[in-house]
Amino acid sequence: MTYAFLLMYAWQEGSCFPGQQTLAKDLGVSERQLQRYLYELRDTKYVEIERKDRRYNNTYIILERNKPFKLKRKKTVDKVA
């Protein structure tokens, strides 16, 4: 959903710069959860995150994707009580 909202904000420009507070509110999630989603999009090369100056919002650059990707799942260890 985060990617879809970034595409909506970017429209046909290829990048956008919504504030995280605004984006989180629109998605109905906390700002911390939104940051996790954004980092996942960055790590899977769907977006590039740039920040020119601390006074301004991040700029999210939509990257071109031609291949599907597979999420890498973290290995979990079952704890026995």
N, C-alpha and C. Protein backbone atom coordinates (compact mmCIF):
# COMPACT_ATOMS: atom_id res chain seq x y z
N MET A 1 0.83 -1.20 0.00
CA MET A 1 0.00 0.00 0.00
C MET A 1 0.87 1.26 0.00
N THR A 2 1.97 1.20 0.71
CA THR A 2 2.85 2.37 0.78
C THR A 2 3.35 2.75 -0.60
N TYR A 3 3.74 1.75 -1.37
CA TYR A 3 4.22 1.99 -2.74
C TYR A 3 3.11 2.61 -3.59
N ALA A 4 1.89 2.12 -3.44
CA ALA A 4 0.76 2.66 -4.20
C ALA A 4 0.52 4.12 -3.85
N PHE A 5 0.63 4.46 -2.57
CA PHE A 5 0.44 5.85 -2.17
C PHE A 5 1.56 6.74 -2.71
N LEU A 6 2.79 6.24 -2.69
CA LEU A 6 3.90 7.02 -3.25
C LEU A 6 3.67 7.26 -4.75
N LEU A 7 3.19 6.23 -5.45
CA LEU A 7 2.88 6.39 -6.88
C LEU A 7 1.78 7.42 -7.08
N MET A 8 0.79 7.41 -6.19
CA MET A 8 -0.31 8.36 -6.29
C MET A 8 0.22 9.79 -6.07
N TYR A 9 1.06 9.97 -5.07
CA TYR A 9 1.63 11.30 -4.82
C TYR A 9 2.52 11.75 -5.97
N ALA A 10 3.30 10.82 -6.51
CA ALA A 10 4.24 11.17 -7.58
C ALA A 10 3.52 11.46 -8.89
N TRP A 11 2.37 10.83 -9.07
CA TRP A 11 1.58 10.91 -10.29
C TRP A 11 2.44 10.53 -11.48
N GLN A 12 2.87 11.45 -12.32
CA GLN A 12 3.71 11.10 -13.46
C GLN A 12 5.09 11.74 -13.37
N GLU A 13 5.43 12.22 -12.21
CA GLU A 13 6.68 12.95 -12.04
C GLU A 13 7.88 12.04 -11.79
N GLY A 14 7.69 10.87 -11.24
CA GLY A 14 8.81 9.98 -10.95
C GLY A 14 9.37 10.14 -9.55
N SER A 15 8.92 11.17 -8.84
CA SER A 15 9.34 11.35 -7.45
C SER A 15 8.28 12.16 -6.72
N CYS A 16 8.34 12.11 -5.40
CA CYS A 16 7.40 12.88 -4.58
C CYS A 16 8.06 13.16 -3.24
N PHE A 17 7.48 14.03 -2.45
CA PHE A 17 8.07 14.38 -1.17
C PHE A 17 7.02 14.63 -0.09
N PRO A 18 6.11 13.66 0.14
CA PRO A 18 5.13 13.85 1.21
C PRO A 18 5.82 13.72 2.56
N GLY A 19 5.33 14.44 3.55
CA GLY A 19 5.84 14.29 4.90
C GLY A 19 5.44 12.93 5.46
N GLN A 20 6.28 12.37 6.33
CA GLN A 20 5.98 11.06 6.88
C GLN A 20 4.72 11.09 7.73
N GLN A 21 4.48 12.18 8.43
CA GLN A 21 3.27 12.30 9.25
C GLN A 21 2.02 12.24 8.37
N THR A 22 2.05 12.96 7.26
CA THR A 22 0.92 12.96 6.32
C THR A 22 0.72 11.59 5.70
N LEU A 23 1.80 10.98 5.25
CA LEU A 23 1.72 9.67 4.61
C LEU A 23 1.22 8.61 5.58
N ALA A 24 1.71 8.64 6.82
CA ALA A 24 1.27 7.68 7.84
C ALA A 24 -0.22 7.85 8.12
N LYS A 25 -0.67 9.09 8.22
CA LYS A 25 -2.09 9.36 8.47
C LYS A 25 -2.94 8.84 7.32
N ASP A 26 -2.51 9.09 6.08
CA ASP A 26 -3.27 8.63 4.92
C ASP A 26 -3.34 7.10 4.86
N LEU A 27 -2.27 6.43 5.29
CA LEU A 27 -2.23 4.97 5.28
C LEU A 27 -2.91 4.36 6.50
N GLY A 28 -3.09 5.15 7.55
CA GLY A 28 -3.71 4.64 8.77
C GLY A 28 -2.74 3.82 9.61
N VAL A 29 -1.45 4.18 9.58
CA VAL A 29 -0.44 3.46 10.37
C VAL A 29 0.37 4.49 11.17
N SER A 30 1.17 3.99 12.11
CA SER A 30 2.03 4.88 12.88
C SER A 30 3.21 5.32 12.02
N GLU A 31 3.86 6.40 12.43
CA GLU A 31 5.03 6.88 11.68
C GLU A 31 6.15 5.85 11.71
N ARG A 32 6.31 5.15 12.82
CA ARG A 32 7.36 4.13 12.93
C ARG A 32 7.10 2.98 11.96
N GLN A 33 5.83 2.53 11.89
CA GLN A 33 5.49 1.45 10.95
C GLN A 33 5.71 1.91 9.52
N LEU A 34 5.35 3.16 9.22
CA LEU A 34 5.58 3.71 7.88
C LEU A 34 7.06 3.69 7.54
N GLN A 35 7.92 4.05 8.49
CA GLN A 35 9.36 4.02 8.24
C GLN A 35 9.83 2.62 7.88
N ARG A 36 9.30 1.61 8.56
CA ARG A 36 9.65 0.23 8.23
C ARG A 36 9.24 -0.10 6.79
N TYR A 37 8.06 0.32 6.40
CA TYR A 37 7.59 0.07 5.03
C TYR A 37 8.48 0.77 4.01
N LEU A 38 8.85 2.02 4.31
CA LEU A 38 9.70 2.78 3.39
C LEU A 38 11.08 2.14 3.26
N TYR A 39 11.64 1.67 4.37
CA TYR A 39 12.95 1.02 4.32
C TYR A 39 12.88 -0.29 3.53
N GLU A 40 11.76 -1.00 3.65
CA GLU A 40 11.57 -2.23 2.87
C GLU A 40 11.51 -1.92 1.38
N LEU A 41 10.81 -0.86 1.01
CA LEU A 41 10.76 -0.44 -0.39
C LEU A 41 12.13 -0.03 -0.89
N ARG A 42 12.90 0.65 -0.04
CA ARG A 42 14.26 1.04 -0.42
C ARG A 42 15.15 -0.19 -0.59
N ASP A 43 15.08 -1.12 0.37
CA ASP A 43 15.93 -2.31 0.33
C ASP A 43 15.62 -3.22 -0.85
N THR A 44 14.37 -3.22 -1.31
CA THR A 44 13.99 -4.05 -2.45
C THR A 44 14.06 -3.28 -3.77
N LYS A 45 14.64 -2.08 -3.69
CA LYS A 45 14.91 -1.24 -4.87
C LYS A 45 13.65 -0.79 -5.62
N TYR A 46 12.59 -0.52 -4.86
CA TYR A 46 11.40 0.08 -5.45
C TYR A 46 11.46 1.60 -5.40
N VAL A 47 12.11 2.13 -4.36
CA VAL A 47 12.28 3.58 -4.24
C VAL A 47 13.69 3.89 -3.76
N GLU A 48 14.10 5.10 -4.06
CA GLU A 48 15.35 5.63 -3.53
C GLU A 48 14.95 6.81 -2.65
N ILE A 49 15.56 6.91 -1.49
CA ILE A 49 15.21 7.97 -0.55
C ILE A 49 16.36 8.97 -0.50
N GLU A 50 16.05 10.23 -0.78
CA GLU A 50 17.05 11.29 -0.74
C GLU A 50 16.58 12.39 0.21
N ARG A 51 17.55 13.04 0.82
CA ARG A 51 17.24 14.19 1.65
C ARG A 51 18.36 15.21 1.46
N LYS A 52 18.03 16.32 0.86
CA LYS A 52 19.02 17.35 0.56
C LYS A 52 19.42 18.12 1.80
N ASP A 53 18.45 18.38 2.67
CA ASP A 53 18.69 19.21 3.84
C ASP A 53 17.71 18.78 4.93
N ARG A 54 18.12 18.86 6.17
CA ARG A 54 17.25 18.43 7.28
C ARG A 54 16.00 19.29 7.41
N ARG A 55 15.99 20.45 6.78
CA ARG A 55 14.81 21.32 6.87
C ARG A 55 13.68 20.86 5.96
N TYR A 56 13.96 19.96 5.04
CA TYR A 56 12.97 19.54 4.04
C TYR A 56 12.60 18.08 4.21
N ASN A 57 11.47 17.71 3.63
CA ASN A 57 11.03 16.30 3.63
C ASN A 57 11.94 15.46 2.76
N ASN A 58 11.92 14.15 3.01
CA ASN A 58 12.61 13.22 2.12
C ASN A 58 11.98 13.29 0.74
N THR A 59 12.79 13.02 -0.26
CA THR A 59 12.28 12.87 -1.62
C THR A 59 12.32 11.39 -1.95
N TYR A 60 11.19 10.84 -2.37
CA TYR A 60 11.09 9.42 -2.71
C TYR A 60 11.09 9.30 -4.23
N ILE A 61 12.14 8.71 -4.75
CA ILE A 61 12.29 8.56 -6.20
C ILE A 61 11.82 7.16 -6.57
N ILE A 62 10.83 7.09 -7.43
CA ILE A 62 10.26 5.82 -7.86
C ILE A 62 11.22 5.19 -8.88
N LEU A 63 11.72 4.01 -8.57
CA LEU A 63 12.66 3.32 -9.45
C LEU A 63 11.90 2.39 -10.39
N GLU A 64 12.44 2.19 -11.57
CA GLU A 64 11.82 1.32 -12.56
C GLU A 64 12.11 -0.13 -12.19
N ARG A 65 11.05 -0.93 -12.12
CA ARG A 65 11.19 -2.35 -11.77
C ARG A 65 10.68 -3.19 -12.93
N ASN A 66 11.53 -4.05 -13.46
CA ASN A 66 11.12 -4.94 -14.55
C ASN A 66 10.96 -6.37 -14.09
N LYS A 67 11.57 -6.72 -12.97
CA LYS A 67 11.51 -8.09 -12.49
C LYS A 67 10.77 -8.15 -11.17
N PRO A 68 9.98 -9.21 -10.95
CA PRO A 68 9.37 -9.38 -9.63
C PRO A 68 10.46 -9.74 -8.62
N PHE A 69 10.16 -9.54 -7.36
CA PHE A 69 11.14 -9.86 -6.33
C PHE A 69 10.52 -10.82 -5.31
N LYS A 70 11.37 -11.46 -4.56
CA LYS A 70 10.92 -12.33 -3.47
C LYS A 70 11.43 -11.74 -2.18
N LEU A 71 10.54 -11.65 -1.20
CA LEU A 71 10.94 -11.16 0.11
C LEU A 71 11.79 -12.22 0.80
N LYS A 72 12.83 -11.77 1.44
CA LYS A 72 13.65 -12.67 2.23
C LYS A 72 13.07 -12.70 3.64
N ARG A 73 12.70 -13.86 4.08
CA ARG A 73 12.13 -13.98 5.41
C ARG A 73 13.23 -14.20 6.43
N LYS A 74 13.06 -13.57 7.57
CA LYS A 74 14.02 -13.76 8.63
C LYS A 74 13.78 -15.12 9.27
N LYS A 75 14.87 -15.79 9.58
CA LYS A 75 14.73 -17.07 10.25
C LYS A 75 14.37 -16.83 11.69
N THR A 76 13.36 -17.53 12.15
CA THR A 76 12.96 -17.40 13.55
C THR A 76 13.23 -18.72 14.26
N VAL A 77 13.57 -18.61 15.50
CA VAL A 77 13.84 -19.79 16.31
C VAL A 77 12.70 -19.91 17.31
N ASP A 78 12.04 -21.06 17.30
CA ASP A 78 10.96 -21.29 18.24
C ASP A 78 11.54 -21.49 19.63
N LYS A 79 11.01 -20.72 20.57
CA LYS A 79 11.48 -20.85 21.96
C LYS A 79 10.55 -21.80 22.68
N VAL A 80 11.13 -22.75 23.37
CA VAL A 80 10.34 -23.71 24.13
C VAL A 80 10.31 -23.24 25.58
N ALA A 81 9.11 -23.14 26.12
CA ALA A 81 8.98 -22.63 27.49
C ALA A 81 9.21 -23.71 28.50
